[in-house]
Amino acid sequence: MPGAYLLILLVSLGGIIVLDARLRLVLWPAAGPVGPTRGRAIAAVLVGTVFFLAWDAVGIATGVFVKGDSPYLLGIDLAPHLPIEEPVFLAFLCYLALVVHAAVLRVLTARGGRVRKAL
């Protein structure tokens, strides 16, 4: 089924956004000493995505990364061996890392630990 991978990525991203909004972790930060501002969080996701896309470009140019055949990809390439799903995955990965980081900081702070604000 072409596009299944992109659909799964977008559904997963939607789930993380709902979790983030419900727990007020990253894009909707809770009042308190931990949690990045919305602008910093968006900038972190963008910078991380661009960094990993550059990493992919180097890997593709050196022949380390190649796109295999999969019936689940949409079939649209942004560049040779770079499917359109890749930037979506990388943005999801960066955003997920921020949400997990903010959740861990929240748990540590709730337990009375001293946590230095990271962002």
N, C-alpha and C. Protein backbone atom coordinates (compact mmCIF):
# COMPACT_ATOMS: atom_id res chain seq x y z
N MET A 1 0.85 -1.18 0.00
CA MET A 1 0.00 0.00 0.00
C MET A 1 0.90 1.24 0.00
N PRO A 2 1.02 1.88 -1.13
CA PRO A 2 1.86 3.10 -1.19
C PRO A 2 1.34 4.18 -0.25
N GLY A 3 2.27 4.79 0.47
CA GLY A 3 1.91 5.86 1.38
C GLY A 3 1.63 5.42 2.80
N ALA A 4 1.67 4.12 3.06
CA ALA A 4 1.37 3.63 4.41
C ALA A 4 2.39 4.13 5.43
N TYR A 5 3.66 4.15 5.04
CA TYR A 5 4.70 4.61 5.96
C TYR A 5 4.50 6.07 6.33
N LEU A 6 4.21 6.91 5.34
CA LEU A 6 3.95 8.32 5.61
C LEU A 6 2.72 8.49 6.48
N LEU A 7 1.69 7.73 6.21
CA LEU A 7 0.47 7.79 7.02
C LEU A 7 0.75 7.40 8.47
N ILE A 8 1.53 6.35 8.68
CA ILE A 8 1.87 5.92 10.04
C ILE A 8 2.69 7.00 10.74
N LEU A 9 3.63 7.61 10.02
CA LEU A 9 4.42 8.71 10.61
C LEU A 9 3.53 9.87 11.04
N LEU A 10 2.60 10.24 10.18
CA LEU A 10 1.73 11.38 10.49
C LEU A 10 0.77 11.06 11.65
N VAL A 11 0.26 9.84 11.71
CA VAL A 11 -0.59 9.44 12.83
C VAL A 11 0.21 9.44 14.13
N SER A 12 1.43 8.92 14.06
CA SER A 12 2.29 8.91 15.25
C SER A 12 2.64 10.33 15.69
N LEU A 13 2.93 11.19 14.73
CA LEU A 13 3.21 12.59 15.05
C LEU A 13 2.00 13.24 15.71
N GLY A 14 0.82 12.94 15.18
CA GLY A 14 -0.40 13.46 15.79
C GLY A 14 -0.57 12.99 17.22
N GLY A 15 -0.24 11.74 17.48
CA GLY A 15 -0.33 11.21 18.84
C GLY A 15 0.63 11.90 19.79
N ILE A 16 1.84 12.17 19.32
CA ILE A 16 2.82 12.86 20.17
C ILE A 16 2.38 14.31 20.41
N ILE A 17 1.79 14.93 19.40
CA ILE A 17 1.30 16.31 19.57
C ILE A 17 0.18 16.33 20.61
N VAL A 18 -0.74 15.37 20.56
CA VAL A 18 -1.82 15.29 21.55
C VAL A 18 -1.25 15.06 22.95
N LEU A 19 -0.29 14.16 23.06
CA LEU A 19 0.35 13.91 24.34
C LEU A 19 1.05 15.15 24.86
N ASP A 20 1.75 15.84 23.98
CA ASP A 20 2.44 17.07 24.35
C ASP A 20 1.44 18.13 24.82
N ALA A 21 0.36 18.30 24.10
CA ALA A 21 -0.63 19.30 24.48
C ALA A 21 -1.31 18.93 25.80
N ARG A 22 -1.59 17.65 25.98
CA ARG A 22 -2.27 17.20 27.21
C ARG A 22 -1.39 17.39 28.44
N LEU A 23 -0.10 17.05 28.30
CA LEU A 23 0.81 17.15 29.43
C LEU A 23 1.57 18.47 29.49
N ARG A 24 1.37 19.32 28.47
CA ARG A 24 2.01 20.64 28.40
C ARG A 24 3.52 20.52 28.57
N LEU A 25 4.15 19.80 27.64
CA LEU A 25 5.57 19.53 27.76
C LEU A 25 6.45 20.44 26.92
N VAL A 26 6.19 20.57 25.62
CA VAL A 26 7.12 21.26 24.72
C VAL A 26 6.45 22.43 24.02
N LEU A 27 5.51 22.17 23.14
CA LEU A 27 4.88 23.27 22.38
C LEU A 27 3.86 24.04 23.21
N TRP A 28 3.34 23.41 24.24
CA TRP A 28 2.44 24.07 25.17
C TRP A 28 3.04 23.93 26.56
N PRO A 29 4.11 24.66 26.84
CA PRO A 29 4.82 24.42 28.11
C PRO A 29 3.98 24.80 29.32
N ALA A 30 4.15 24.00 30.34
CA ALA A 30 3.49 24.28 31.61
C ALA A 30 4.25 25.38 32.34
N ALA A 31 3.58 26.05 33.23
CA ALA A 31 4.26 27.06 34.05
C ALA A 31 5.23 26.34 34.97
N GLY A 32 6.39 26.87 35.08
CA GLY A 32 7.38 26.25 35.94
C GLY A 32 8.77 26.38 35.38
N PRO A 33 9.75 25.84 36.09
CA PRO A 33 11.14 26.04 35.70
C PRO A 33 11.61 25.18 34.54
N VAL A 34 10.90 24.12 34.19
CA VAL A 34 11.36 23.25 33.11
C VAL A 34 10.49 23.43 31.88
N GLY A 35 11.02 23.08 30.73
CA GLY A 35 10.28 23.15 29.49
C GLY A 35 10.72 24.32 28.63
N PRO A 36 10.97 24.05 27.36
CA PRO A 36 11.40 25.10 26.46
C PRO A 36 10.24 26.00 26.05
N THR A 37 10.56 27.16 25.54
CA THR A 37 9.51 28.00 24.97
C THR A 37 9.13 27.42 23.62
N ARG A 38 7.98 27.80 23.12
CA ARG A 38 7.49 27.27 21.84
C ARG A 38 8.45 27.58 20.70
N GLY A 39 8.96 28.80 20.66
CA GLY A 39 9.88 29.19 19.59
C GLY A 39 11.17 28.38 19.62
N ARG A 40 11.69 28.17 20.81
CA ARG A 40 12.92 27.36 20.94
C ARG A 40 12.66 25.91 20.54
N ALA A 41 11.52 25.40 20.89
CA ALA A 41 11.20 24.02 20.55
C ALA A 41 11.09 23.85 19.04
N ILE A 42 10.41 24.76 18.39
CA ILE A 42 10.28 24.70 16.92
C ILE A 42 11.64 24.85 16.27
N ALA A 43 12.45 25.77 16.78
CA ALA A 43 13.80 25.95 16.24
C ALA A 43 14.64 24.69 16.42
N ALA A 44 14.51 24.04 17.56
CA ALA A 44 15.27 22.81 17.81
C ALA A 44 14.87 21.70 16.84
N VAL A 45 13.58 21.58 16.58
CA VAL A 45 13.11 20.57 15.63
C VAL A 45 13.62 20.89 14.22
N LEU A 46 13.54 22.15 13.82
CA LEU A 46 14.01 22.54 12.49
C LEU A 46 15.52 22.34 12.34
N VAL A 47 16.28 22.79 13.32
CA VAL A 47 17.74 22.64 13.26
C VAL A 47 18.13 21.16 13.25
N GLY A 48 17.48 20.37 14.09
CA GLY A 48 17.76 18.94 14.12
C GLY A 48 17.42 18.26 12.81
N THR A 49 16.29 18.62 12.22
CA THR A 49 15.87 18.04 10.95
C THR A 49 16.86 18.40 9.84
N VAL A 50 17.26 19.67 9.79
CA VAL A 50 18.23 20.09 8.77
C VAL A 50 19.56 19.38 8.98
N PHE A 51 20.00 19.26 10.22
CA PHE A 51 21.25 18.56 10.51
C PHE A 51 21.19 17.11 10.02
N PHE A 52 20.12 16.41 10.34
CA PHE A 52 20.03 15.02 9.94
C PHE A 52 19.81 14.86 8.43
N LEU A 53 19.17 15.83 7.79
CA LEU A 53 19.08 15.79 6.33
C LEU A 53 20.46 15.97 5.70
N ALA A 54 21.28 16.85 6.28
CA ALA A 54 22.65 17.01 5.79
C ALA A 54 23.43 15.71 6.01
N TRP A 55 23.23 15.09 7.15
CA TRP A 55 23.86 13.81 7.46
C TRP A 55 23.45 12.78 6.41
N ASP A 56 22.16 12.73 6.09
CA ASP A 56 21.67 11.82 5.06
C ASP A 56 22.31 12.11 3.71
N ALA A 57 22.44 13.40 3.38
CA ALA A 57 23.04 13.77 2.09
C ALA A 57 24.48 13.26 1.99
N VAL A 58 25.23 13.40 3.06
CA VAL A 58 26.61 12.88 3.07
C VAL A 58 26.60 11.36 2.94
N GLY A 59 25.70 10.71 3.66
CA GLY A 59 25.60 9.25 3.57
C GLY A 59 25.20 8.78 2.18
N ILE A 60 24.30 9.50 1.54
CA ILE A 60 23.87 9.16 0.18
C ILE A 60 25.02 9.39 -0.80
N ALA A 61 25.72 10.52 -0.66
CA ALA A 61 26.82 10.84 -1.56
C ALA A 61 27.97 9.84 -1.46
N THR A 62 28.19 9.30 -0.28
CA THR A 62 29.27 8.33 -0.09
C THR A 62 28.82 6.90 -0.36
N GLY A 63 27.56 6.71 -0.64
CA GLY A 63 27.05 5.38 -0.95
C GLY A 63 26.69 4.54 0.27
N VAL A 64 26.73 5.14 1.45
CA VAL A 64 26.38 4.41 2.66
C VAL A 64 24.87 4.21 2.76
N PHE A 65 24.10 5.24 2.42
CA PHE A 65 22.64 5.16 2.49
C PHE A 65 22.09 4.98 1.08
N VAL A 66 21.26 4.00 0.92
CA VAL A 66 20.54 3.79 -0.35
C VAL A 66 19.09 3.50 -0.02
N LYS A 67 18.23 3.89 -0.91
CA LYS A 67 16.80 3.65 -0.71
C LYS A 67 16.46 2.28 -1.28
N GLY A 68 15.94 1.44 -0.45
CA GLY A 68 15.50 0.13 -0.92
C GLY A 68 14.11 0.22 -1.52
N ASP A 69 13.72 -0.85 -2.14
CA ASP A 69 12.36 -0.90 -2.70
C ASP A 69 11.40 -1.32 -1.61
N SER A 70 10.36 -0.53 -1.43
CA SER A 70 9.35 -0.86 -0.45
C SER A 70 7.98 -0.47 -1.00
N PRO A 71 7.01 -1.33 -0.87
CA PRO A 71 5.67 -0.99 -1.33
C PRO A 71 4.98 0.01 -0.41
N TYR A 72 5.59 0.33 0.73
CA TYR A 72 4.97 1.23 1.70
C TYR A 72 5.36 2.68 1.52
N LEU A 73 6.38 2.94 0.70
CA LEU A 73 6.78 4.32 0.43
C LEU A 73 5.85 4.91 -0.62
N LEU A 74 5.70 6.22 -0.58
CA LEU A 74 4.81 6.90 -1.51
C LEU A 74 5.35 6.87 -2.93
N GLY A 75 6.68 6.85 -3.07
CA GLY A 75 7.28 6.79 -4.40
C GLY A 75 7.76 8.13 -4.91
N ILE A 76 7.68 9.16 -4.06
CA ILE A 76 8.15 10.50 -4.43
C ILE A 76 9.51 10.71 -3.77
N ASP A 77 10.51 11.03 -4.59
CA ASP A 77 11.84 11.28 -4.07
C ASP A 77 12.17 12.76 -4.14
N LEU A 78 12.74 13.29 -3.06
CA LEU A 78 13.19 14.68 -3.05
C LEU A 78 14.54 14.81 -3.73
N ALA A 79 15.31 13.74 -3.68
CA ALA A 79 16.62 13.62 -4.32
C ALA A 79 16.84 12.12 -4.50
N PRO A 80 17.86 11.74 -5.26
CA PRO A 80 18.12 10.31 -5.38
C PRO A 80 18.35 9.67 -4.01
N HIS A 81 17.66 8.60 -3.74
CA HIS A 81 17.74 7.84 -2.48
C HIS A 81 17.22 8.63 -1.27
N LEU A 82 16.44 9.68 -1.50
CA LEU A 82 15.87 10.46 -0.39
C LEU A 82 14.36 10.57 -0.59
N PRO A 83 13.61 9.61 -0.02
CA PRO A 83 12.15 9.65 -0.19
C PRO A 83 11.54 10.81 0.60
N ILE A 84 10.36 11.19 0.21
CA ILE A 84 9.67 12.31 0.84
C ILE A 84 9.36 12.01 2.32
N GLU A 85 9.32 10.75 2.67
CA GLU A 85 9.05 10.38 4.06
C GLU A 85 10.20 10.71 5.00
N GLU A 86 11.42 10.82 4.47
CA GLU A 86 12.60 11.00 5.32
C GLU A 86 12.56 12.30 6.14
N PRO A 87 12.29 13.48 5.55
CA PRO A 87 12.23 14.69 6.39
C PRO A 87 11.10 14.63 7.42
N VAL A 88 10.00 13.97 7.08
CA VAL A 88 8.90 13.83 8.04
C VAL A 88 9.36 12.96 9.21
N PHE A 89 10.04 11.86 8.90
CA PHE A 89 10.57 11.00 9.96
C PHE A 89 11.56 11.74 10.83
N LEU A 90 12.46 12.50 10.22
CA LEU A 90 13.48 13.20 10.99
C LEU A 90 12.87 14.28 11.89
N ALA A 91 11.87 15.00 11.38
CA ALA A 91 11.19 15.99 12.21
C ALA A 91 10.45 15.30 13.37
N PHE A 92 9.81 14.17 13.07
CA PHE A 92 9.15 13.38 14.12
C PHE A 92 10.15 12.93 15.18
N LEU A 93 11.30 12.45 14.74
CA LEU A 93 12.33 11.98 15.65
C LEU A 93 12.81 13.12 16.57
N CYS A 94 13.06 14.29 16.00
CA CYS A 94 13.53 15.43 16.80
C CYS A 94 12.46 15.88 17.80
N TYR A 95 11.22 15.95 17.34
CA TYR A 95 10.13 16.37 18.22
C TYR A 95 9.91 15.34 19.34
N LEU A 96 9.96 14.06 18.99
CA LEU A 96 9.81 13.02 19.99
C LEU A 96 10.90 13.11 21.05
N ALA A 97 12.13 13.39 20.61
CA ALA A 97 13.24 13.53 21.57
C ALA A 97 12.99 14.68 22.53
N LEU A 98 12.47 15.79 22.03
CA LEU A 98 12.15 16.93 22.90
C LEU A 98 11.05 16.58 23.90
N VAL A 99 10.03 15.89 23.43
CA VAL A 99 8.93 15.51 24.32
C VAL A 99 9.41 14.55 25.40
N VAL A 100 10.21 13.57 25.03
CA VAL A 100 10.74 12.63 26.02
C VAL A 100 11.64 13.36 27.01
N HIS A 101 12.48 14.25 26.51
CA HIS A 101 13.38 15.03 27.38
C HIS A 101 12.57 15.85 28.38
N ALA A 102 11.56 16.55 27.90
CA ALA A 102 10.73 17.37 28.79
C ALA A 102 9.99 16.51 29.80
N ALA A 103 9.54 15.32 29.39
CA ALA A 103 8.84 14.42 30.31
C ALA A 103 9.79 13.92 31.40
N VAL A 104 11.00 13.57 31.02
CA VAL A 104 11.98 13.11 32.01
C VAL A 104 12.30 14.23 33.00
N LEU A 105 12.49 15.44 32.49
CA LEU A 105 12.74 16.58 33.38
C LEU A 105 11.57 16.80 34.34
N ARG A 106 10.37 16.66 33.84
CA ARG A 106 9.19 16.83 34.70
C ARG A 106 9.17 15.79 35.80
N VAL A 107 9.46 14.53 35.45
CA VAL A 107 9.46 13.46 36.45
C VAL A 107 10.55 13.70 37.49
N LEU A 108 11.74 14.07 37.03
CA LEU A 108 12.84 14.32 37.96
C LEU A 108 12.52 15.50 38.88
N THR A 109 11.93 16.54 38.34
CA THR A 109 11.57 17.71 39.13
C THR A 109 10.48 17.36 40.14
N ALA A 110 9.52 16.55 39.73
CA ALA A 110 8.43 16.15 40.63
C ALA A 110 8.94 15.31 41.79
N ARG A 111 10.01 14.59 41.57
CA ARG A 111 10.59 13.77 42.63
C ARG A 111 11.51 14.57 43.54
N GLY A 112 11.61 15.87 43.30
CA GLY A 112 12.39 16.72 44.17
C GLY A 112 13.84 16.86 43.75
N GLY A 113 14.19 16.31 42.59
CA GLY A 113 15.55 16.44 42.11
C GLY A 113 15.82 17.85 41.59
N ARG A 114 17.06 18.25 41.62
CA ARG A 114 17.42 19.55 41.08
C ARG A 114 17.79 19.36 39.61
N VAL A 115 17.08 20.04 38.74
CA VAL A 115 17.29 19.90 37.31
C VAL A 115 17.63 21.27 36.73
N ARG A 116 18.71 21.31 35.98
CA ARG A 116 19.10 22.54 35.31
C ARG A 116 18.29 22.68 34.04
N LYS A 117 17.78 23.85 33.76
CA LYS A 117 16.98 24.09 32.57
C LYS A 117 17.87 23.95 31.34
N ALA A 118 17.47 23.07 30.40
CA ALA A 118 18.32 22.76 29.25
C ALA A 118 18.10 23.73 28.10
N LEU A 119 16.87 24.14 27.84
CA LEU A 119 16.60 25.02 26.71
C LEU A 119 16.17 26.38 27.17
